[in-house]
Amino acid sequence: MKKFAIEIKWGIIFSLISLAWVFLEKILGWHDENIAQHAIYTNLFAIVAIVIYVLALLDKRKNFYNGHMTWSQGFISGIVISIVVAILSPVAMYITHNFITPDYFTNVIDYSVESGVMKREDAEEYFNLTSYIIQSFFFALVVGVVTSAVVAFFVRTKK
């Protein structure tokens, strides 16, 4: 477990920053009065996520690999971070939708129906806590692995 202490630390940091981002979205009205902009602006978190992965892999390179890290070492480290984030995602979703923005599902369902994007039954099936927990778990894994591969390429060192 000590071998992956840095990854666990950064997985927790990532999850906490994700919660802070959701709180920012809520403050900016992207979960209620400005919900039409949510689908666009929530994607800005990708920049934050990439920065977190860069910082995490640089931390691993410096403090575990003594300044030298191969692509595969960085990639494996990133995968472990992604697994930690995925494992923590149900808790983050629960906190998000029960404490930070409890009206989000109602608001996004209403918006989706009123704007003609979805029928109410489809929106209710898609926008709920169970669905979001499943989506966030797999999204964290898939996007985390891709991000890890790219970031590891840039933070690797040549011997």
N, C-alpha and C. Protein backbone atom coordinates (compact mmCIF):
# COMPACT_ATOMS: atom_id res chain seq x y z
N MET A 1 0.82 -1.19 0.00
CA MET A 1 0.00 0.00 0.00
C MET A 1 0.86 1.26 0.00
N LYS A 2 1.99 1.19 0.69
CA LYS A 2 2.88 2.35 0.74
C LYS A 2 3.41 2.69 -0.66
N LYS A 3 3.52 1.66 -1.49
CA LYS A 3 3.99 1.85 -2.86
C LYS A 3 3.06 2.80 -3.63
N PHE A 4 1.78 2.84 -3.25
CA PHE A 4 0.80 3.66 -3.95
C PHE A 4 0.27 4.82 -3.10
N ALA A 5 1.00 5.19 -2.06
CA ALA A 5 0.55 6.28 -1.17
C ALA A 5 0.37 7.59 -1.92
N ILE A 6 1.25 7.89 -2.84
CA ILE A 6 1.16 9.14 -3.61
C ILE A 6 -0.10 9.12 -4.48
N GLU A 7 -0.38 7.99 -5.11
CA GLU A 7 -1.57 7.88 -5.96
C GLU A 7 -2.85 8.01 -5.13
N ILE A 8 -2.87 7.38 -3.96
CA ILE A 8 -4.04 7.48 -3.10
C ILE A 8 -4.25 8.93 -2.67
N LYS A 9 -3.17 9.59 -2.29
CA LYS A 9 -3.24 11.00 -1.90
C LYS A 9 -3.84 11.84 -3.03
N TRP A 10 -3.34 11.66 -4.25
CA TRP A 10 -3.82 12.46 -5.38
C TRP A 10 -5.23 12.07 -5.82
N GLY A 11 -5.60 10.83 -5.63
CA GLY A 11 -6.98 10.43 -5.91
C GLY A 11 -7.95 11.13 -4.97
N ILE A 12 -7.55 11.23 -3.70
CA ILE A 12 -8.38 11.96 -2.72
C ILE A 12 -8.42 13.44 -3.05
N ILE A 13 -7.26 14.01 -3.38
CA ILE A 13 -7.21 15.43 -3.77
C ILE A 13 -8.12 15.68 -4.96
N PHE A 14 -8.03 14.81 -5.97
CA PHE A 14 -8.87 14.95 -7.16
C PHE A 14 -10.35 14.96 -6.78
N SER A 15 -10.74 14.03 -5.92
CA SER A 15 -12.15 13.94 -5.52
C SER A 15 -12.60 15.18 -4.75
N LEU A 16 -11.76 15.69 -3.89
CA LEU A 16 -12.10 16.91 -3.14
C LEU A 16 -12.20 18.13 -4.06
N ILE A 17 -11.29 18.23 -5.00
CA ILE A 17 -11.35 19.34 -5.96
C ILE A 17 -12.58 19.20 -6.85
N SER A 18 -12.95 17.98 -7.19
CA SER A 18 -14.18 17.76 -7.96
C SER A 18 -15.40 18.27 -7.20
N LEU A 19 -15.44 18.02 -5.90
CA LEU A 19 -16.55 18.52 -5.09
C LEU A 19 -16.54 20.05 -5.04
N ALA A 20 -15.36 20.63 -4.94
CA ALA A 20 -15.25 22.10 -4.94
C ALA A 20 -15.74 22.66 -6.28
N TRP A 21 -15.43 21.97 -7.38
CA TRP A 21 -15.88 22.39 -8.71
C TRP A 21 -17.40 22.37 -8.79
N VAL A 22 -18.00 21.32 -8.28
CA VAL A 22 -19.47 21.21 -8.29
C VAL A 22 -20.07 22.35 -7.48
N PHE A 23 -19.45 22.66 -6.35
CA PHE A 23 -19.92 23.79 -5.53
C PHE A 23 -19.83 25.09 -6.32
N LEU A 24 -18.74 25.28 -7.07
CA LEU A 24 -18.58 26.46 -7.92
C LEU A 24 -19.67 26.50 -8.99
N GLU A 25 -19.94 25.36 -9.62
CA GLU A 25 -21.02 25.29 -10.61
C GLU A 25 -22.35 25.71 -10.00
N LYS A 26 -22.61 25.24 -8.81
CA LYS A 26 -23.85 25.58 -8.11
C LYS A 26 -23.92 27.09 -7.86
N ILE A 27 -22.83 27.66 -7.36
CA ILE A 27 -22.79 29.11 -7.09
C ILE A 27 -23.01 29.91 -8.36
N LEU A 28 -22.46 29.45 -9.48
CA LEU A 28 -22.58 30.16 -10.75
C LEU A 28 -23.94 29.95 -11.42
N GLY A 29 -24.79 29.14 -10.79
CA GLY A 29 -26.14 28.94 -11.30
C GLY A 29 -26.26 27.91 -12.40
N TRP A 30 -25.21 27.13 -12.63
CA TRP A 30 -25.25 26.13 -13.70
C TRP A 30 -26.11 24.93 -13.34
N HIS A 31 -26.63 24.90 -12.14
CA HIS A 31 -27.50 23.80 -11.72
C HIS A 31 -28.94 24.26 -11.56
N ASP A 32 -29.20 25.53 -11.82
CA ASP A 32 -30.57 26.03 -11.72
C ASP A 32 -30.83 27.10 -12.77
N GLU A 33 -30.73 28.38 -12.44
CA GLU A 33 -31.13 29.41 -13.41
C GLU A 33 -30.30 29.44 -14.69
N ASN A 34 -29.07 29.00 -14.66
CA ASN A 34 -28.22 28.97 -15.86
C ASN A 34 -27.94 27.54 -16.32
N ILE A 35 -28.88 26.66 -16.09
CA ILE A 35 -28.66 25.23 -16.38
C ILE A 35 -28.42 24.97 -17.87
N ALA A 36 -28.89 25.85 -18.73
CA ALA A 36 -28.67 25.68 -20.17
C ALA A 36 -27.18 25.73 -20.52
N GLN A 37 -26.40 26.43 -19.71
CA GLN A 37 -24.95 26.53 -19.95
C GLN A 37 -24.16 25.39 -19.29
N HIS A 38 -24.79 24.63 -18.44
CA HIS A 38 -24.07 23.60 -17.68
C HIS A 38 -23.32 22.62 -18.58
N ALA A 39 -23.98 22.10 -19.59
CA ALA A 39 -23.35 21.08 -20.44
C ALA A 39 -22.09 21.60 -21.12
N ILE A 40 -22.02 22.89 -21.37
CA ILE A 40 -20.84 23.47 -22.01
C ILE A 40 -19.75 23.74 -20.97
N TYR A 41 -20.09 24.48 -19.93
CA TYR A 41 -19.09 24.96 -18.98
C TYR A 41 -18.56 23.89 -18.04
N THR A 42 -19.31 22.85 -17.81
CA THR A 42 -18.80 21.79 -16.92
C THR A 42 -17.57 21.12 -17.53
N ASN A 43 -17.44 21.19 -18.85
CA ASN A 43 -16.29 20.60 -19.53
C ASN A 43 -14.98 21.32 -19.22
N LEU A 44 -15.06 22.54 -18.68
CA LEU A 44 -13.85 23.26 -18.29
C LEU A 44 -13.10 22.51 -17.19
N PHE A 45 -13.81 21.66 -16.48
CA PHE A 45 -13.15 20.87 -15.43
C PHE A 45 -12.05 19.98 -16.02
N ALA A 46 -12.13 19.67 -17.29
CA ALA A 46 -11.09 18.84 -17.92
C ALA A 46 -9.71 19.47 -17.76
N ILE A 47 -9.64 20.79 -17.85
CA ILE A 47 -8.36 21.49 -17.66
C ILE A 47 -7.85 21.26 -16.25
N VAL A 48 -8.73 21.41 -15.28
CA VAL A 48 -8.37 21.18 -13.88
C VAL A 48 -7.91 19.74 -13.68
N ALA A 49 -8.64 18.80 -14.25
CA ALA A 49 -8.31 17.38 -14.11
C ALA A 49 -6.93 17.08 -14.68
N ILE A 50 -6.62 17.62 -15.83
CA ILE A 50 -5.31 17.39 -16.45
C ILE A 50 -4.20 17.97 -15.57
N VAL A 51 -4.42 19.17 -15.05
CA VAL A 51 -3.43 19.78 -14.17
C VAL A 51 -3.19 18.90 -12.93
N ILE A 52 -4.25 18.35 -12.37
CA ILE A 52 -4.11 17.48 -11.20
C ILE A 52 -3.28 16.24 -11.56
N TYR A 53 -3.55 15.64 -12.70
CA TYR A 53 -2.78 14.46 -13.11
C TYR A 53 -1.32 14.82 -13.35
N VAL A 54 -1.06 15.97 -13.95
CA VAL A 54 0.33 16.41 -14.16
C VAL A 54 1.03 16.56 -12.81
N LEU A 55 0.40 17.26 -11.88
CA LEU A 55 1.00 17.46 -10.56
C LEU A 55 1.22 16.13 -9.84
N ALA A 56 0.26 15.23 -9.98
CA ALA A 56 0.38 13.92 -9.33
C ALA A 56 1.55 13.12 -9.89
N LEU A 57 1.67 13.09 -11.20
CA LEU A 57 2.75 12.30 -11.80
C LEU A 57 4.11 12.95 -11.57
N LEU A 58 4.15 14.28 -11.52
CA LEU A 58 5.41 14.95 -11.17
C LEU A 58 5.80 14.64 -9.73
N ASP A 59 4.81 14.60 -8.85
CA ASP A 59 5.04 14.23 -7.45
C ASP A 59 5.60 12.81 -7.38
N LYS A 60 5.00 11.89 -8.10
CA LYS A 60 5.45 10.50 -8.12
C LYS A 60 6.88 10.41 -8.67
N ARG A 61 7.13 11.12 -9.76
CA ARG A 61 8.46 11.10 -10.37
C ARG A 61 9.52 11.61 -9.39
N LYS A 62 9.22 12.72 -8.74
CA LYS A 62 10.20 13.34 -7.84
C LYS A 62 10.38 12.56 -6.54
N ASN A 63 9.29 12.15 -5.93
CA ASN A 63 9.35 11.63 -4.57
C ASN A 63 9.35 10.11 -4.45
N PHE A 64 9.14 9.42 -5.55
CA PHE A 64 9.18 7.95 -5.50
C PHE A 64 10.26 7.40 -6.43
N TYR A 65 10.36 8.00 -7.61
CA TYR A 65 11.31 7.51 -8.60
C TYR A 65 12.59 8.36 -8.66
N ASN A 66 12.80 9.22 -7.67
CA ASN A 66 14.03 10.03 -7.58
C ASN A 66 14.32 10.84 -8.84
N GLY A 67 13.28 11.38 -9.43
CA GLY A 67 13.45 12.28 -10.57
C GLY A 67 13.48 11.60 -11.93
N HIS A 68 13.44 10.30 -11.97
CA HIS A 68 13.46 9.57 -13.25
C HIS A 68 12.26 8.64 -13.30
N MET A 69 11.44 8.80 -14.33
CA MET A 69 10.25 7.97 -14.46
C MET A 69 10.03 7.65 -15.93
N THR A 70 9.78 6.38 -16.21
CA THR A 70 9.48 5.96 -17.58
C THR A 70 7.99 6.23 -17.86
N TRP A 71 7.64 6.12 -19.13
CA TRP A 71 6.24 6.30 -19.49
C TRP A 71 5.38 5.24 -18.80
N SER A 72 5.83 4.00 -18.81
CA SER A 72 5.01 2.93 -18.22
C SER A 72 4.85 3.12 -16.71
N GLN A 73 5.87 3.60 -16.01
CA GLN A 73 5.74 3.88 -14.58
C GLN A 73 4.71 4.98 -14.35
N GLY A 74 4.77 6.03 -15.16
CA GLY A 74 3.80 7.12 -15.05
C GLY A 74 2.40 6.67 -15.41
N PHE A 75 2.30 5.85 -16.43
CA PHE A 75 0.99 5.35 -16.86
C PHE A 75 0.35 4.49 -15.76
N ILE A 76 1.13 3.61 -15.18
CA ILE A 76 0.60 2.77 -14.09
C ILE A 76 0.19 3.64 -12.90
N SER A 77 0.99 4.62 -12.58
CA SER A 77 0.65 5.53 -11.49
C SER A 77 -0.67 6.24 -11.78
N GLY A 78 -0.84 6.72 -13.00
CA GLY A 78 -2.08 7.39 -13.39
C GLY A 78 -3.28 6.46 -13.34
N ILE A 79 -3.08 5.20 -13.72
CA ILE A 79 -4.17 4.22 -13.65
C ILE A 79 -4.60 4.02 -12.20
N VAL A 80 -3.64 3.95 -11.30
CA VAL A 80 -3.98 3.77 -9.88
C VAL A 80 -4.75 4.98 -9.37
N ILE A 81 -4.33 6.18 -9.76
CA ILE A 81 -5.08 7.39 -9.38
C ILE A 81 -6.51 7.29 -9.90
N SER A 82 -6.66 6.86 -11.14
CA SER A 82 -8.00 6.72 -11.75
C SER A 82 -8.85 5.72 -10.98
N ILE A 83 -8.26 4.64 -10.54
CA ILE A 83 -8.99 3.64 -9.75
C ILE A 83 -9.45 4.24 -8.43
N VAL A 84 -8.56 4.99 -7.78
CA VAL A 84 -8.93 5.63 -6.51
C VAL A 84 -10.09 6.61 -6.73
N VAL A 85 -9.99 7.43 -7.78
CA VAL A 85 -11.06 8.39 -8.09
C VAL A 85 -12.37 7.65 -8.38
N ALA A 86 -12.30 6.56 -9.13
CA ALA A 86 -13.49 5.78 -9.45
C ALA A 86 -14.12 5.19 -8.18
N ILE A 87 -13.29 4.68 -7.29
CA ILE A 87 -13.80 4.10 -6.04
C ILE A 87 -14.46 5.17 -5.18
N LEU A 88 -13.89 6.37 -5.18
CA LEU A 88 -14.45 7.46 -4.38
C LEU A 88 -15.65 8.15 -5.06
N SER A 89 -15.85 7.90 -6.33
CA SER A 89 -16.90 8.61 -7.07
C SER A 89 -18.31 8.39 -6.53
N PRO A 90 -18.70 7.21 -6.06
CA PRO A 90 -20.05 7.09 -5.49
C PRO A 90 -20.25 7.99 -4.27
N VAL A 91 -19.24 8.09 -3.44
CA VAL A 91 -19.33 8.97 -2.27
C VAL A 91 -19.42 10.43 -2.72
N ALA A 92 -18.61 10.79 -3.70
CA ALA A 92 -18.65 12.16 -4.23
C ALA A 92 -20.01 12.48 -4.84
N MET A 93 -20.58 11.53 -5.56
CA MET A 93 -21.91 11.74 -6.15
C MET A 93 -22.97 11.89 -5.06
N TYR A 94 -22.87 11.08 -4.04
CA TYR A 94 -23.83 11.16 -2.92
C TYR A 94 -23.74 12.53 -2.25
N ILE A 95 -22.54 12.98 -1.95
CA ILE A 95 -22.35 14.30 -1.34
C ILE A 95 -22.86 15.39 -2.26
N THR A 96 -22.52 15.29 -3.54
CA THR A 96 -22.94 16.29 -4.52
C THR A 96 -24.45 16.44 -4.55
N HIS A 97 -25.15 15.33 -4.70
CA HIS A 97 -26.59 15.40 -4.96
C HIS A 97 -27.46 15.38 -3.71
N ASN A 98 -26.86 15.18 -2.56
CA ASN A 98 -27.64 15.25 -1.33
C ASN A 98 -27.32 16.49 -0.50
N PHE A 99 -26.15 17.09 -0.71
CA PHE A 99 -25.77 18.22 0.12
C PHE A 99 -25.44 19.48 -0.68
N ILE A 100 -24.70 19.36 -1.76
CA ILE A 100 -24.28 20.55 -2.51
C ILE A 100 -25.39 21.05 -3.42
N THR A 101 -26.00 20.17 -4.17
CA THR A 101 -26.99 20.58 -5.16
C THR A 101 -28.15 19.58 -5.21
N PRO A 102 -28.95 19.54 -4.16
CA PRO A 102 -30.03 18.53 -4.09
C PRO A 102 -31.13 18.70 -5.13
N ASP A 103 -31.26 19.88 -5.72
CA ASP A 103 -32.30 20.11 -6.72
C ASP A 103 -31.83 19.90 -8.16
N TYR A 104 -30.57 19.50 -8.32
CA TYR A 104 -30.02 19.39 -9.67
C TYR A 104 -30.83 18.44 -10.56
N PHE A 105 -31.12 17.25 -10.08
CA PHE A 105 -31.83 16.29 -10.93
C PHE A 105 -33.20 16.81 -11.35
N THR A 106 -33.94 17.39 -10.43
CA THR A 106 -35.24 17.98 -10.77
C THR A 106 -35.08 19.06 -11.83
N ASN A 107 -34.08 19.93 -11.63
CA ASN A 107 -33.85 21.04 -12.56
C ASN A 107 -33.43 20.56 -13.95
N VAL A 108 -32.53 19.60 -14.00
CA VAL A 108 -32.04 19.14 -15.30
C VAL A 108 -33.10 18.31 -16.02
N ILE A 109 -33.91 17.59 -15.28
CA ILE A 109 -35.02 16.85 -15.90
C ILE A 109 -36.00 17.84 -16.50
N ASP A 110 -36.40 18.84 -15.72
CA ASP A 110 -37.34 19.86 -16.22
C ASP A 110 -36.78 20.57 -17.44
N TYR A 111 -35.51 20.95 -17.38
CA TYR A 111 -34.88 21.65 -18.51
C TYR A 111 -34.85 20.76 -19.75
N SER A 112 -34.47 19.50 -19.59
CA SER A 112 -34.39 18.58 -20.73
C SER A 112 -35.74 18.38 -21.39
N VAL A 113 -36.80 18.30 -20.58
CA VAL A 113 -38.15 18.12 -21.12
C VAL A 113 -38.64 19.40 -21.78
N GLU A 114 -38.49 20.53 -21.09
CA GLU A 114 -38.97 21.81 -21.62
C GLU A 114 -38.26 22.23 -22.89
N SER A 115 -36.97 21.89 -23.01
CA SER A 115 -36.22 22.26 -24.21
C SER A 115 -36.40 21.25 -25.34
N GLY A 116 -37.15 20.17 -25.08
CA GLY A 116 -37.43 19.18 -26.11
C GLY A 116 -36.32 18.19 -26.37
N VAL A 117 -35.33 18.15 -25.50
CA VAL A 117 -34.20 17.25 -25.69
C VAL A 117 -34.57 15.80 -25.36
N MET A 118 -35.43 15.63 -24.35
CA MET A 118 -35.80 14.28 -23.91
C MET A 118 -37.26 14.26 -23.47
N LYS A 119 -37.81 13.07 -23.51
CA LYS A 119 -39.13 12.86 -22.90
C LYS A 119 -38.91 12.73 -21.40
N ARG A 120 -39.93 13.06 -20.63
CA ARG A 120 -39.80 13.02 -19.16
C ARG A 120 -39.33 11.66 -18.66
N GLU A 121 -39.90 10.58 -19.16
CA GLU A 121 -39.51 9.25 -18.69
C GLU A 121 -38.02 8.98 -18.95
N ASP A 122 -37.56 9.37 -20.14
CA ASP A 122 -36.15 9.17 -20.48
C ASP A 122 -35.24 10.02 -19.60
N ALA A 123 -35.65 11.26 -19.38
CA ALA A 123 -34.86 12.16 -18.55
C ALA A 123 -34.78 11.64 -17.11
N GLU A 124 -35.89 11.16 -16.59
CA GLU A 124 -35.90 10.63 -15.22
C GLU A 124 -35.04 9.37 -15.10
N GLU A 125 -35.02 8.58 -16.16
CA GLU A 125 -34.20 7.38 -16.16
C GLU A 125 -32.71 7.71 -16.21
N TYR A 126 -32.38 8.79 -16.91
CA TYR A 126 -30.98 9.17 -17.10
C TYR A 126 -30.46 10.02 -15.94
N PHE A 127 -31.25 10.99 -15.50
CA PHE A 127 -30.82 11.94 -14.48
C PHE A 127 -31.30 11.51 -13.09
N ASN A 128 -30.54 10.63 -12.46
CA ASN A 128 -30.82 10.20 -11.10
C ASN A 128 -29.52 9.74 -10.47
N LEU A 129 -29.54 9.59 -9.17
CA LEU A 129 -28.31 9.29 -8.44
C LEU A 129 -27.68 7.96 -8.86
N THR A 130 -28.48 6.93 -9.02
CA THR A 130 -27.94 5.62 -9.41
C THR A 130 -27.24 5.71 -10.76
N SER A 131 -27.90 6.33 -11.72
CA SER A 131 -27.32 6.49 -13.05
C SER A 131 -26.02 7.28 -13.00
N TYR A 132 -26.01 8.37 -12.25
CA TYR A 132 -24.81 9.20 -12.15
C TYR A 132 -23.67 8.49 -11.43
N ILE A 133 -23.98 7.69 -10.44
CA ILE A 133 -22.93 6.93 -9.76
C ILE A 133 -22.26 5.96 -10.74
N ILE A 134 -23.07 5.26 -11.51
CA ILE A 134 -22.53 4.31 -12.50
C ILE A 134 -21.72 5.06 -13.56
N GLN A 135 -22.29 6.15 -14.09
CA GLN A 135 -21.60 6.94 -15.11
C GLN A 135 -20.27 7.48 -14.60
N SER A 136 -20.28 8.04 -13.39
CA SER A 136 -19.06 8.67 -12.86
C SER A 136 -17.98 7.62 -12.59
N PHE A 137 -18.37 6.45 -12.16
CA PHE A 137 -17.40 5.39 -11.91
C PHE A 137 -16.67 5.01 -13.20
N PHE A 138 -17.42 4.70 -14.24
CA PHE A 138 -16.81 4.28 -15.50
C PHE A 138 -16.12 5.44 -16.22
N PHE A 139 -16.68 6.63 -16.11
CA PHE A 139 -16.05 7.81 -16.72
C PHE A 139 -14.68 8.05 -16.08
N ALA A 140 -14.61 7.94 -14.76
CA ALA A 140 -13.33 8.13 -14.06
C ALA A 140 -12.29 7.14 -14.54
N LEU A 141 -12.71 5.90 -14.75
CA LEU A 141 -11.77 4.88 -15.21
C LEU A 141 -11.31 5.14 -16.64
N VAL A 142 -12.25 5.32 -17.54
CA VAL A 142 -11.91 5.46 -18.96
C VAL A 142 -11.13 6.74 -19.23
N VAL A 143 -11.66 7.86 -18.78
CA VAL A 143 -10.99 9.14 -19.04
C VAL A 143 -9.68 9.22 -18.25
N GLY A 144 -9.67 8.65 -17.06
CA GLY A 144 -8.45 8.63 -16.27
C GLY A 144 -7.33 7.86 -16.94
N VAL A 145 -7.65 6.73 -17.53
CA VAL A 145 -6.63 5.93 -18.23
C VAL A 145 -6.09 6.69 -19.44
N VAL A 146 -6.97 7.30 -20.22
CA VAL A 146 -6.53 8.08 -21.39
C VAL A 146 -5.67 9.26 -20.94
N THR A 147 -6.14 9.98 -19.93
CA THR A 147 -5.37 11.12 -19.41
C THR A 147 -4.01 10.65 -18.89
N SER A 148 -3.98 9.53 -18.21
CA SER A 148 -2.74 8.99 -17.68
C SER A 148 -1.74 8.69 -18.79
N ALA A 149 -2.22 8.11 -19.87
CA ALA A 149 -1.35 7.77 -21.00
C ALA A 149 -0.71 9.03 -21.59
N VAL A 150 -1.50 10.06 -21.76
CA VAL A 150 -0.99 11.30 -22.36
C VAL A 150 -0.06 12.04 -21.40
N VAL A 151 -0.50 12.20 -20.16
CA VAL A 151 0.31 12.93 -19.18
C VAL A 151 1.62 12.19 -18.92
N ALA A 152 1.58 10.88 -18.82
CA ALA A 152 2.81 10.10 -18.59
C ALA A 152 3.83 10.32 -19.71
N PHE A 153 3.34 10.51 -20.93
CA PHE A 153 4.23 10.78 -22.06
C PHE A 153 4.99 12.07 -21.84
N PHE A 154 4.34 13.09 -21.30
CA PHE A 154 4.96 14.39 -21.13
C PHE A 154 5.81 14.52 -19.86
N VAL A 155 5.54 13.72 -18.85
CA VAL A 155 6.31 13.85 -17.61
C VAL A 155 7.40 12.79 -17.48
N ARG A 156 7.48 11.88 -18.43
CA ARG A 156 8.53 10.86 -18.40
C ARG A 156 9.88 11.54 -18.56
N THR A 157 10.91 10.87 -18.11
CA THR A 157 12.26 11.39 -18.31
C THR A 157 13.02 10.41 -19.20
N LYS A 158 13.99 10.96 -19.88
CA LYS A 158 14.84 10.14 -20.75
C LYS A 158 16.14 9.89 -20.01
N LYS A 159 16.57 8.65 -20.03
CA LYS A 159 17.81 8.30 -19.32
C LYS A 159 19.02 8.52 -20.20
